[in-house]
Amino acid sequence: MSGDVSNRKRLISITGGNLRNGHIYLSGHHDFFPKECYGQSGRAKGLGKPLILLPEGTDESIETDISTNGKNGKPRNFFRKRGWVKKFFKKYDIREGDVVAIEKVSKYKYRVYPFETKSIREGAFVPEHWPKPNPKKPSVIDLFAGCGGFSYGLKQAGFENLLAVEWDSSCYQTFKQNIGSRILHWAIQG
C-alpha cells in the first residue's frame, strides 16, 4: 500500500475514559475509514458497510461499523461493537497514556495492536528463542530497519545482525523473511 504512514496506520493514545468505558476514541481519525462504513444512530435505522477488526493476540475478528449521532448526523467517536476492547486492554495491560495502533490491512480490514505501552517498555528484552550470535563475526544493530536493505548489505559483507528494530509491520515481516528473526517490532521514541 503506497502513501504516507497516515494512510496506513493511526496511533491512538488511550485515556482513562477509554479504559473505564471499553472503547477506543476515533476522533480525528474519521478520514481513515471509508464513508460507507458509517451507519445510522441505531441498528434498526441502518448499519454501515462492515469493517473487519483484527485485534492482535486474539483469534477473533470483529465485524462492526461506526454509528452516527441521531441528532446531528456526525460520526460517533468509537466503533459500534466494543465488547472486545476491555479484553484487549486487559490482555496487553493497556494503561492510560499507552498507544494503540489501528493499521489498514485492506479497504475494510484493520489490525489493532498495542504500539507503545508501559508493559512493553518495562519488558524490553531479547527473546530467548533468538539464536546466539556468532562471536567470530562482526555484529551490527540496525535501528529504523525498514525492510532490511542496510542489514542485507552488511550480511553479504560478512556481518551478523545482532538486533534490528522496525515499527512498520509490513517492513518488519519482510525483514524477518529475508534477513532473519532478530528484529523487534516496536517504535523507537525519545
N, C-alpha and C. Protein backbone atom coordinates (compact mmCIF):
# COMPACT_ATOMS: atom_id res chain seq x y z
N MET A 1 0.86 -1.17 0.00
CA MET A 1 0.00 0.00 0.00
C MET A 1 0.90 1.23 0.00
N SER A 2 0.72 2.13 -0.93
CA SER A 2 1.57 3.31 -1.01
C SER A 2 0.99 4.46 -0.23
N GLY A 3 1.72 5.57 -0.20
CA GLY A 3 1.26 6.75 0.52
C GLY A 3 2.02 6.91 1.81
N ASP A 4 1.75 8.02 2.50
CA ASP A 4 2.46 8.21 3.76
C ASP A 4 1.83 7.35 4.85
N VAL A 5 2.51 7.33 5.98
CA VAL A 5 2.10 6.42 7.04
C VAL A 5 0.69 6.70 7.56
N SER A 6 0.23 7.96 7.47
CA SER A 6 -1.12 8.27 7.96
C SER A 6 -2.20 7.59 7.13
N ASN A 7 -1.86 7.14 5.93
CA ASN A 7 -2.81 6.39 5.10
C ASN A 7 -2.86 4.92 5.48
N ARG A 8 -1.86 4.44 6.23
CA ARG A 8 -1.78 3.02 6.58
C ARG A 8 -2.00 2.73 8.04
N LYS A 9 -1.67 3.70 8.90
CA LYS A 9 -1.70 3.41 10.33
C LYS A 9 -2.05 4.68 11.09
N ARG A 10 -2.86 4.52 12.14
CA ARG A 10 -3.15 5.62 13.05
C ARG A 10 -2.80 5.18 14.46
N LEU A 11 -2.22 6.10 15.21
CA LEU A 11 -1.83 5.84 16.59
C LEU A 11 -2.77 6.61 17.50
N ILE A 12 -3.33 5.90 18.48
CA ILE A 12 -4.34 6.49 19.36
C ILE A 12 -3.90 6.33 20.80
N SER A 13 -3.78 7.45 21.50
CA SER A 13 -3.42 7.45 22.92
C SER A 13 -4.66 7.09 23.74
N ILE A 14 -4.49 6.16 24.64
CA ILE A 14 -5.60 5.65 25.44
C ILE A 14 -5.80 6.54 26.68
N THR A 15 -7.06 6.88 26.92
CA THR A 15 -7.41 7.74 28.05
C THR A 15 -8.04 6.91 29.17
N GLY A 16 -8.19 7.54 30.32
CA GLY A 16 -8.90 6.89 31.43
C GLY A 16 -10.33 6.56 31.05
N GLY A 17 -10.97 7.45 30.27
CA GLY A 17 -12.34 7.19 29.80
C GLY A 17 -12.41 5.96 28.91
N ASN A 18 -11.40 5.76 28.07
CA ASN A 18 -11.36 4.56 27.24
C ASN A 18 -11.31 3.31 28.11
N LEU A 19 -10.47 3.35 29.13
CA LEU A 19 -10.32 2.19 30.00
C LEU A 19 -11.60 1.89 30.77
N ARG A 20 -12.25 2.94 31.30
CA ARG A 20 -13.49 2.74 32.08
C ARG A 20 -14.64 2.26 31.20
N ASN A 21 -14.73 2.81 29.99
CA ASN A 21 -15.89 2.53 29.13
C ASN A 21 -15.66 1.47 28.06
N GLY A 22 -14.45 0.99 27.94
CA GLY A 22 -14.16 -0.09 26.99
C GLY A 22 -14.32 0.32 25.55
N HIS A 23 -13.71 1.42 25.16
CA HIS A 23 -13.72 1.81 23.75
C HIS A 23 -12.42 2.52 23.40
N ILE A 24 -12.21 2.75 22.13
CA ILE A 24 -11.05 3.46 21.62
C ILE A 24 -11.57 4.66 20.86
N TYR A 25 -11.12 5.86 21.23
CA TYR A 25 -11.60 7.08 20.57
C TYR A 25 -11.09 7.16 19.13
N LEU A 26 -11.99 7.48 18.22
CA LEU A 26 -11.64 7.64 16.82
C LEU A 26 -11.65 9.10 16.39
N SER A 27 -11.88 10.02 17.32
CA SER A 27 -11.94 11.44 16.96
C SER A 27 -10.62 11.84 16.31
N GLY A 28 -10.73 12.58 15.22
CA GLY A 28 -9.57 12.99 14.46
C GLY A 28 -9.10 11.95 13.46
N HIS A 29 -9.78 10.81 13.41
CA HIS A 29 -9.37 9.73 12.51
C HIS A 29 -10.49 9.26 11.59
N HIS A 30 -11.56 10.03 11.48
CA HIS A 30 -12.68 9.57 10.66
C HIS A 30 -12.33 9.51 9.18
N ASP A 31 -11.33 10.26 8.74
CA ASP A 31 -10.90 10.19 7.35
C ASP A 31 -10.19 8.88 7.03
N PHE A 32 -9.84 8.12 8.04
CA PHE A 32 -9.11 6.86 7.88
C PHE A 32 -10.03 5.71 7.46
N PHE A 33 -11.32 5.85 7.67
CA PHE A 33 -12.29 4.79 7.40
C PHE A 33 -13.18 5.19 6.23
N PRO A 34 -13.57 4.24 5.37
CA PRO A 34 -14.43 4.56 4.23
C PRO A 34 -15.77 5.13 4.68
N LYS A 35 -16.26 6.11 3.94
CA LYS A 35 -17.52 6.78 4.29
C LYS A 35 -18.69 5.81 4.38
N GLU A 36 -18.68 4.79 3.56
CA GLU A 36 -19.80 3.85 3.56
C GLU A 36 -19.84 2.96 4.81
N CYS A 37 -18.83 3.05 5.67
CA CYS A 37 -18.79 2.27 6.90
C CYS A 37 -19.46 2.99 8.07
N TYR A 38 -20.03 4.16 7.79
CA TYR A 38 -20.74 4.91 8.82
C TYR A 38 -22.23 4.63 8.69
N GLY A 39 -22.80 4.09 9.77
CA GLY A 39 -24.22 3.75 9.77
C GLY A 39 -25.04 4.77 10.54
N GLN A 40 -26.31 4.50 10.64
CA GLN A 40 -27.23 5.38 11.37
C GLN A 40 -27.01 5.23 12.88
N SER A 41 -27.73 6.02 13.64
CA SER A 41 -27.55 6.02 15.09
C SER A 41 -27.96 4.69 15.73
N GLY A 42 -28.97 4.05 15.22
CA GLY A 42 -29.41 2.77 15.76
C GLY A 42 -29.34 1.68 14.70
N ARG A 43 -29.16 0.46 15.12
CA ARG A 43 -29.06 -0.68 14.18
C ARG A 43 -30.31 -0.79 13.31
N ALA A 44 -31.47 -0.58 13.92
CA ALA A 44 -32.72 -0.71 13.18
C ALA A 44 -32.84 0.32 12.06
N LYS A 45 -32.17 1.46 12.24
CA LYS A 45 -32.23 2.52 11.22
C LYS A 45 -31.28 2.25 10.06
N GLY A 46 -30.29 1.41 10.28
CA GLY A 46 -29.38 1.06 9.19
C GLY A 46 -27.91 1.06 9.62
N LEU A 47 -27.25 -0.01 9.26
CA LEU A 47 -25.82 -0.16 9.56
C LEU A 47 -25.00 0.29 8.35
N GLY A 48 -23.77 0.69 8.62
CA GLY A 48 -22.83 0.99 7.54
C GLY A 48 -22.21 -0.30 7.04
N LYS A 49 -21.47 -0.20 5.95
CA LYS A 49 -20.74 -1.37 5.44
C LYS A 49 -19.79 -1.85 6.54
N PRO A 50 -19.74 -3.15 6.78
CA PRO A 50 -18.95 -3.66 7.90
C PRO A 50 -17.45 -3.46 7.72
N LEU A 51 -16.81 -3.09 8.81
CA LEU A 51 -15.36 -3.10 8.93
C LEU A 51 -14.99 -4.40 9.64
N ILE A 52 -13.89 -4.97 9.28
CA ILE A 52 -13.39 -6.15 9.98
C ILE A 52 -12.19 -5.70 10.81
N LEU A 53 -12.28 -5.86 12.12
CA LEU A 53 -11.20 -5.52 13.03
C LEU A 53 -10.52 -6.80 13.48
N LEU A 54 -9.20 -6.80 13.43
CA LEU A 54 -8.41 -7.95 13.84
C LEU A 54 -7.55 -7.56 15.04
N PRO A 55 -8.10 -7.71 16.26
CA PRO A 55 -7.30 -7.37 17.44
C PRO A 55 -6.18 -8.39 17.62
N GLU A 56 -4.94 -7.91 17.70
CA GLU A 56 -3.80 -8.79 17.86
C GLU A 56 -3.90 -9.57 19.16
N GLY A 57 -3.45 -10.81 19.10
CA GLY A 57 -3.44 -11.64 20.30
C GLY A 57 -4.74 -12.36 20.55
N THR A 58 -5.70 -12.21 19.64
CA THR A 58 -6.96 -12.94 19.76
C THR A 58 -7.21 -13.68 18.46
N ASP A 59 -8.03 -14.68 18.52
CA ASP A 59 -8.39 -15.42 17.31
C ASP A 59 -9.67 -14.88 16.69
N GLU A 60 -10.22 -13.83 17.29
CA GLU A 60 -11.49 -13.33 16.79
C GLU A 60 -11.30 -12.18 15.82
N SER A 61 -12.24 -12.08 14.91
CA SER A 61 -12.34 -10.89 14.07
C SER A 61 -13.68 -10.25 14.40
N ILE A 62 -13.68 -8.94 14.48
CA ILE A 62 -14.86 -8.18 14.87
C ILE A 62 -15.44 -7.53 13.64
N GLU A 63 -16.71 -7.75 13.40
CA GLU A 63 -17.41 -7.10 12.29
C GLU A 63 -18.25 -5.98 12.88
N THR A 64 -17.94 -4.75 12.50
CA THR A 64 -18.62 -3.60 13.07
C THR A 64 -18.66 -2.46 12.07
N ASP A 65 -19.41 -1.45 12.41
CA ASP A 65 -19.38 -0.19 11.67
C ASP A 65 -19.15 0.92 12.68
N ILE A 66 -19.30 2.15 12.23
CA ILE A 66 -19.20 3.30 13.12
C ILE A 66 -20.53 4.03 13.01
N SER A 67 -21.20 4.21 14.13
CA SER A 67 -22.52 4.85 14.07
C SER A 67 -22.38 6.37 14.01
N THR A 68 -23.47 7.00 13.66
CA THR A 68 -23.53 8.46 13.64
C THR A 68 -24.49 8.94 14.72
N ASN A 69 -24.37 10.18 15.09
CA ASN A 69 -25.23 10.79 16.08
C ASN A 69 -26.61 11.03 15.45
N GLY A 70 -27.67 10.57 16.11
CA GLY A 70 -29.02 10.70 15.58
C GLY A 70 -29.50 12.14 15.45
N LYS A 71 -28.94 13.05 16.24
CA LYS A 71 -29.39 14.45 16.21
C LYS A 71 -28.69 15.28 15.15
N ASN A 72 -27.37 15.11 15.02
CA ASN A 72 -26.65 15.96 14.07
C ASN A 72 -26.02 15.22 12.90
N GLY A 73 -26.07 13.89 12.90
CA GLY A 73 -25.54 13.09 11.79
C GLY A 73 -24.02 12.97 11.77
N LYS A 74 -23.35 13.54 12.76
CA LYS A 74 -21.89 13.45 12.80
C LYS A 74 -21.47 12.06 13.29
N PRO A 75 -20.29 11.60 12.86
CA PRO A 75 -19.81 10.27 13.30
C PRO A 75 -19.60 10.22 14.81
N ARG A 76 -19.95 9.09 15.40
CA ARG A 76 -19.61 8.85 16.80
C ARG A 76 -18.12 8.55 16.84
N ASN A 77 -17.52 8.69 17.99
CA ASN A 77 -16.07 8.59 18.09
C ASN A 77 -15.55 7.24 18.57
N PHE A 78 -16.31 6.18 18.28
CA PHE A 78 -15.83 4.84 18.58
C PHE A 78 -16.58 3.84 17.73
N PHE A 79 -16.05 2.62 17.65
CA PHE A 79 -16.71 1.56 16.89
C PHE A 79 -18.02 1.19 17.56
N ARG A 80 -19.01 0.78 16.76
CA ARG A 80 -20.31 0.40 17.33
C ARG A 80 -20.15 -0.80 18.26
N LYS A 81 -19.47 -1.86 17.81
CA LYS A 81 -19.23 -3.03 18.66
C LYS A 81 -17.96 -2.78 19.44
N ARG A 82 -18.09 -2.88 20.77
CA ARG A 82 -16.95 -2.57 21.62
C ARG A 82 -16.69 -3.65 22.68
N GLY A 83 -17.43 -4.73 22.67
CA GLY A 83 -17.28 -5.75 23.71
C GLY A 83 -15.88 -6.35 23.77
N TRP A 84 -15.16 -6.33 22.70
CA TRP A 84 -13.82 -6.91 22.64
C TRP A 84 -12.74 -6.01 23.27
N VAL A 85 -13.03 -4.71 23.41
CA VAL A 85 -12.00 -3.74 23.76
C VAL A 85 -11.45 -3.97 25.18
N LYS A 86 -12.32 -4.18 26.16
CA LYS A 86 -11.83 -4.38 27.53
C LYS A 86 -10.96 -5.63 27.63
N LYS A 87 -11.32 -6.69 26.90
CA LYS A 87 -10.48 -7.90 26.89
C LYS A 87 -9.11 -7.60 26.28
N PHE A 88 -9.11 -6.83 25.21
CA PHE A 88 -7.87 -6.43 24.55
C PHE A 88 -7.00 -5.61 25.50
N PHE A 89 -7.61 -4.64 26.18
CA PHE A 89 -6.88 -3.82 27.14
C PHE A 89 -6.28 -4.68 28.25
N LYS A 90 -7.06 -5.63 28.74
CA LYS A 90 -6.60 -6.49 29.83
C LYS A 90 -5.45 -7.39 29.37
N LYS A 91 -5.59 -7.98 28.18
CA LYS A 91 -4.56 -8.89 27.67
C LYS A 91 -3.21 -8.21 27.60
N TYR A 92 -3.19 -6.95 27.17
CA TYR A 92 -1.92 -6.24 26.99
C TYR A 92 -1.62 -5.26 28.12
N ASP A 93 -2.38 -5.33 29.20
CA ASP A 93 -2.17 -4.44 30.34
C ASP A 93 -2.08 -2.98 29.88
N ILE A 94 -3.03 -2.60 29.02
CA ILE A 94 -3.08 -1.23 28.49
C ILE A 94 -3.45 -0.29 29.62
N ARG A 95 -2.70 0.79 29.73
CA ARG A 95 -2.91 1.78 30.78
C ARG A 95 -3.11 3.16 30.15
N GLU A 96 -3.58 4.09 30.95
CA GLU A 96 -3.76 5.45 30.48
C GLU A 96 -2.43 5.99 29.96
N GLY A 97 -2.46 6.58 28.76
CA GLY A 97 -1.25 7.12 28.15
C GLY A 97 -0.58 6.16 27.19
N ASP A 98 -0.94 4.87 27.24
CA ASP A 98 -0.40 3.91 26.28
C ASP A 98 -0.97 4.22 24.90
N VAL A 99 -0.32 3.70 23.87
CA VAL A 99 -0.73 3.98 22.49
C VAL A 99 -1.10 2.67 21.80
N VAL A 100 -2.25 2.70 21.12
CA VAL A 100 -2.74 1.57 20.34
C VAL A 100 -2.69 1.96 18.87
N ALA A 101 -2.29 1.03 18.02
CA ALA A 101 -2.25 1.28 16.58
C ALA A 101 -3.43 0.61 15.90
N ILE A 102 -4.01 1.31 14.94
CA ILE A 102 -5.00 0.74 14.03
C ILE A 102 -4.38 0.81 12.65
N GLU A 103 -4.12 -0.35 12.08
CA GLU A 103 -3.40 -0.43 10.80
C GLU A 103 -4.33 -0.97 9.71
N LYS A 104 -4.35 -0.29 8.60
CA LYS A 104 -5.19 -0.70 7.47
C LYS A 104 -4.53 -1.87 6.75
N VAL A 105 -5.25 -2.99 6.70
CA VAL A 105 -4.79 -4.18 6.00
C VAL A 105 -5.33 -4.16 4.58
N SER A 106 -6.59 -3.78 4.44
CA SER A 106 -7.24 -3.58 3.15
C SER A 106 -8.33 -2.53 3.37
N LYS A 107 -9.11 -2.24 2.36
CA LYS A 107 -10.07 -1.15 2.45
C LYS A 107 -11.01 -1.28 3.65
N TYR A 108 -11.44 -2.49 3.98
CA TYR A 108 -12.40 -2.69 5.06
C TYR A 108 -11.85 -3.54 6.21
N LYS A 109 -10.55 -3.83 6.20
CA LYS A 109 -9.97 -4.69 7.23
C LYS A 109 -8.84 -3.93 7.93
N TYR A 110 -8.88 -3.98 9.29
CA TYR A 110 -7.93 -3.23 10.10
C TYR A 110 -7.38 -4.09 11.23
N ARG A 111 -6.09 -4.03 11.41
CA ARG A 111 -5.42 -4.73 12.50
C ARG A 111 -5.30 -3.75 13.67
N VAL A 112 -5.58 -4.21 14.89
CA VAL A 112 -5.49 -3.38 16.09
C VAL A 112 -4.48 -4.04 17.02
N TYR A 113 -3.49 -3.25 17.46
CA TYR A 113 -2.46 -3.83 18.33
C TYR A 113 -1.84 -2.77 19.22
N PRO A 114 -1.23 -3.21 20.35
CA PRO A 114 -0.55 -2.25 21.21
C PRO A 114 0.70 -1.74 20.49
N PHE A 115 0.90 -0.44 20.53
CA PHE A 115 2.04 0.15 19.83
C PHE A 115 3.12 0.58 20.82
N GLU A 116 2.72 1.27 21.84
CA GLU A 116 3.65 1.76 22.85
C GLU A 116 2.94 1.64 24.20
N THR A 117 3.38 0.69 25.00
CA THR A 117 2.76 0.51 26.31
C THR A 117 3.82 0.45 27.39
N LYS A 118 3.41 0.78 28.59
CA LYS A 118 4.34 0.73 29.71
C LYS A 118 4.86 -0.69 29.90
N SER A 119 4.01 -1.69 29.74
CA SER A 119 4.46 -3.08 29.94
C SER A 119 5.46 -3.49 28.86
N ILE A 120 5.31 -2.99 27.63
CA ILE A 120 6.29 -3.29 26.59
C ILE A 120 7.62 -2.61 26.94
N ARG A 121 7.54 -1.34 27.36
CA ARG A 121 8.77 -0.62 27.70
C ARG A 121 9.50 -1.29 28.87
N GLU A 122 8.74 -1.71 29.89
CA GLU A 122 9.37 -2.34 31.06
C GLU A 122 9.89 -3.74 30.74
N GLY A 123 9.25 -4.41 29.79
CA GLY A 123 9.61 -5.79 29.49
C GLY A 123 10.50 -5.93 28.27
N ALA A 124 11.16 -4.84 27.84
CA ALA A 124 12.02 -4.92 26.66
C ALA A 124 13.16 -5.89 26.91
N PHE A 125 13.28 -6.88 26.06
CA PHE A 125 14.30 -7.89 26.21
C PHE A 125 14.54 -8.55 24.86
N VAL A 126 15.64 -9.23 24.76
CA VAL A 126 15.91 -10.03 23.57
C VAL A 126 15.29 -11.40 23.80
N PRO A 127 14.38 -11.82 22.93
CA PRO A 127 13.72 -13.11 23.14
C PRO A 127 14.70 -14.27 23.26
N GLU A 128 14.38 -15.19 24.16
CA GLU A 128 15.24 -16.33 24.41
C GLU A 128 15.36 -17.26 23.21
N HIS A 129 14.36 -17.25 22.32
CA HIS A 129 14.41 -18.16 21.18
C HIS A 129 15.35 -17.68 20.08
N TRP A 130 15.86 -16.47 20.20
CA TRP A 130 16.81 -15.99 19.20
C TRP A 130 18.10 -16.80 19.29
N PRO A 131 18.67 -17.16 18.14
CA PRO A 131 19.94 -17.89 18.19
C PRO A 131 21.06 -16.98 18.72
N LYS A 132 22.02 -17.58 19.38
CA LYS A 132 23.16 -16.81 19.89
C LYS A 132 23.98 -16.30 18.71
N PRO A 133 24.48 -15.07 18.80
CA PRO A 133 25.30 -14.55 17.70
C PRO A 133 26.65 -15.28 17.62
N ASN A 134 27.19 -15.32 16.44
CA ASN A 134 28.48 -15.94 16.20
C ASN A 134 29.56 -14.97 16.67
N PRO A 135 30.33 -15.32 17.70
CA PRO A 135 31.33 -14.38 18.24
C PRO A 135 32.49 -14.12 17.28
N LYS A 136 32.62 -14.92 16.23
CA LYS A 136 33.72 -14.74 15.28
C LYS A 136 33.38 -13.74 14.18
N LYS A 137 32.11 -13.33 14.10
CA LYS A 137 31.68 -12.37 13.08
C LYS A 137 31.48 -11.00 13.71
N PRO A 138 31.79 -9.94 12.97
CA PRO A 138 31.43 -8.61 13.49
C PRO A 138 29.91 -8.48 13.48
N SER A 139 29.37 -7.80 14.49
CA SER A 139 27.91 -7.69 14.58
C SER A 139 27.46 -6.25 14.43
N VAL A 140 26.21 -6.09 14.02
CA VAL A 140 25.64 -4.76 13.79
C VAL A 140 24.25 -4.68 14.42
N ILE A 141 23.84 -3.45 14.69
CA ILE A 141 22.48 -3.15 15.12
C ILE A 141 21.88 -2.23 14.08
N ASP A 142 20.67 -2.53 13.64
CA ASP A 142 20.00 -1.74 12.60
C ASP A 142 18.74 -1.11 13.18
N LEU A 143 18.82 0.17 13.54
CA LEU A 143 17.65 0.90 14.02
C LEU A 143 16.91 1.47 12.82
N PHE A 144 15.60 1.59 12.91
CA PHE A 144 14.79 2.06 11.78
C PHE A 144 15.08 1.17 10.56
N ALA A 145 14.96 -0.12 10.75
CA ALA A 145 15.47 -1.12 9.81
C ALA A 145 14.75 -1.16 8.47
N GLY A 146 13.52 -0.67 8.43
CA GLY A 146 12.77 -0.79 7.17
C GLY A 146 12.67 -2.24 6.78
N CYS A 147 12.75 -2.52 5.50
CA CYS A 147 12.64 -3.92 5.04
C CYS A 147 13.98 -4.63 5.04
N GLY A 148 15.06 -3.94 5.45
CA GLY A 148 16.33 -4.63 5.69
C GLY A 148 17.42 -4.43 4.66
N GLY A 149 17.33 -3.43 3.81
CA GLY A 149 18.36 -3.22 2.79
C GLY A 149 19.75 -3.04 3.38
N PHE A 150 19.86 -2.21 4.41
CA PHE A 150 21.14 -1.96 5.07
C PHE A 150 21.67 -3.26 5.68
N SER A 151 20.81 -3.96 6.42
CA SER A 151 21.23 -5.21 7.06
C SER A 151 21.60 -6.27 6.02
N TYR A 152 20.88 -6.29 4.93
CA TYR A 152 21.18 -7.27 3.87
C TYR A 152 22.58 -7.03 3.31
N GLY A 153 22.91 -5.77 3.05
CA GLY A 153 24.25 -5.44 2.53
C GLY A 153 25.34 -5.83 3.51
N LEU A 154 25.11 -5.55 4.78
CA LEU A 154 26.10 -5.92 5.79
C LEU A 154 26.20 -7.44 5.94
N LYS A 155 25.10 -8.13 5.81
CA LYS A 155 25.11 -9.60 5.88
C LYS A 155 25.95 -10.16 4.73
N GLN A 156 25.79 -9.59 3.55
CA GLN A 156 26.57 -10.03 2.39
C GLN A 156 28.06 -9.74 2.58
N ALA A 157 28.37 -8.72 3.38
CA ALA A 157 29.77 -8.36 3.65
C ALA A 157 30.36 -9.14 4.83
N GLY A 158 29.58 -10.07 5.41
CA GLY A 158 30.10 -10.92 6.47
C GLY A 158 29.72 -10.51 7.89
N PHE A 159 28.91 -9.49 8.03
CA PHE A 159 28.46 -9.07 9.36
C PHE A 159 27.26 -9.91 9.79
N GLU A 160 27.02 -9.93 11.09
CA GLU A 160 25.85 -10.62 11.61
C GLU A 160 24.94 -9.60 12.29
N ASN A 161 23.66 -9.70 11.97
CA ASN A 161 22.68 -8.81 12.58
C ASN A 161 22.45 -9.23 14.03
N LEU A 162 22.84 -8.36 14.95
CA LEU A 162 22.63 -8.62 16.37
C LEU A 162 21.20 -8.25 16.76
N LEU A 163 20.72 -7.12 16.21
CA LEU A 163 19.39 -6.63 16.54
C LEU A 163 18.96 -5.62 15.49
N ALA A 164 17.69 -5.68 15.14
CA ALA A 164 17.07 -4.67 14.29
C ALA A 164 15.76 -4.26 14.94
N VAL A 165 15.34 -3.02 14.66
CA VAL A 165 14.09 -2.50 15.21
C VAL A 165 13.33 -1.83 14.08
N GLU A 166 12.04 -2.18 13.95
CA GLU A 166 11.18 -1.57 12.92
C GLU A 166 9.75 -1.56 13.42
N TRP A 167 9.03 -0.44 13.22
CA TRP A 167 7.65 -0.34 13.70
C TRP A 167 6.63 -0.65 12.62
N ASP A 168 6.97 -0.49 11.36
CA ASP A 168 6.02 -0.76 10.29
C ASP A 168 5.89 -2.27 10.09
N SER A 169 4.68 -2.80 10.21
CA SER A 169 4.51 -4.25 10.23
C SER A 169 4.87 -4.92 8.91
N SER A 170 4.60 -4.30 7.78
CA SER A 170 4.95 -4.95 6.50
C SER A 170 6.47 -4.98 6.33
N CYS A 171 7.16 -3.91 6.71
CA CYS A 171 8.63 -3.91 6.66
C CYS A 171 9.20 -4.93 7.63
N TYR A 172 8.62 -4.98 8.82
CA TYR A 172 9.05 -5.94 9.84
C TYR A 172 8.95 -7.37 9.30
N GLN A 173 7.82 -7.70 8.68
CA GLN A 173 7.62 -9.05 8.14
C GLN A 173 8.61 -9.35 7.01
N THR A 174 8.86 -8.37 6.15
CA THR A 174 9.81 -8.54 5.05
C THR A 174 11.21 -8.79 5.60
N PHE A 175 11.61 -8.01 6.60
CA PHE A 175 12.92 -8.19 7.23
C PHE A 175 13.04 -9.61 7.79
N LYS A 176 12.01 -10.04 8.55
CA LYS A 176 12.05 -11.38 9.16
C LYS A 176 12.22 -12.46 8.10
N GLN A 177 11.53 -12.31 6.98
CA GLN A 177 11.57 -13.33 5.93
C GLN A 177 12.92 -13.33 5.20
N ASN A 178 13.49 -12.17 4.94
CA ASN A 178 14.68 -12.09 4.10
C ASN A 178 16.01 -11.99 4.86
N ILE A 179 15.99 -11.48 6.07
CA ILE A 179 17.24 -11.25 6.80
C ILE A 179 17.37 -12.20 7.99
N GLY A 180 16.33 -12.27 8.81
CA GLY A 180 16.39 -13.14 9.98
C GLY A 180 15.43 -12.68 11.06
N SER A 181 15.34 -13.47 12.10
CA SER A 181 14.33 -13.24 13.14
C SER A 181 14.78 -12.25 14.22
N ARG A 182 16.00 -11.76 14.15
CA ARG A 182 16.50 -10.87 15.21
C ARG A 182 16.02 -9.44 15.00
N ILE A 183 14.69 -9.26 14.99
CA ILE A 183 14.11 -7.94 14.82
C ILE A 183 12.98 -7.74 15.82
N LEU A 184 12.94 -6.56 16.40
CA LEU A 184 11.88 -6.20 17.34
C LEU A 184 10.87 -5.33 16.61
N HIS A 185 9.60 -5.56 16.86
CA HIS A 185 8.51 -4.82 16.20
C HIS A 185 7.96 -3.78 17.14
N TRP A 186 8.63 -2.64 17.25
CA TRP A 186 8.11 -1.52 18.01
C TRP A 186 8.82 -0.24 17.62
N ALA A 187 8.34 0.85 18.16
CA ALA A 187 8.85 2.17 17.80
C ALA A 187 10.02 2.57 18.69
N ILE A 188 10.89 3.35 18.12
CA ILE A 188 11.98 3.96 18.89
C ILE A 188 11.55 5.39 19.15
N GLN A 189 11.38 5.72 20.41
CA GLN A 189 10.95 7.07 20.77
C GLN A 189 11.83 7.60 21.87
N GLY A 190 12.04 8.92 21.86
CA GLY A 190 12.91 9.55 22.86
C GLY A 190 12.20 9.81 24.15
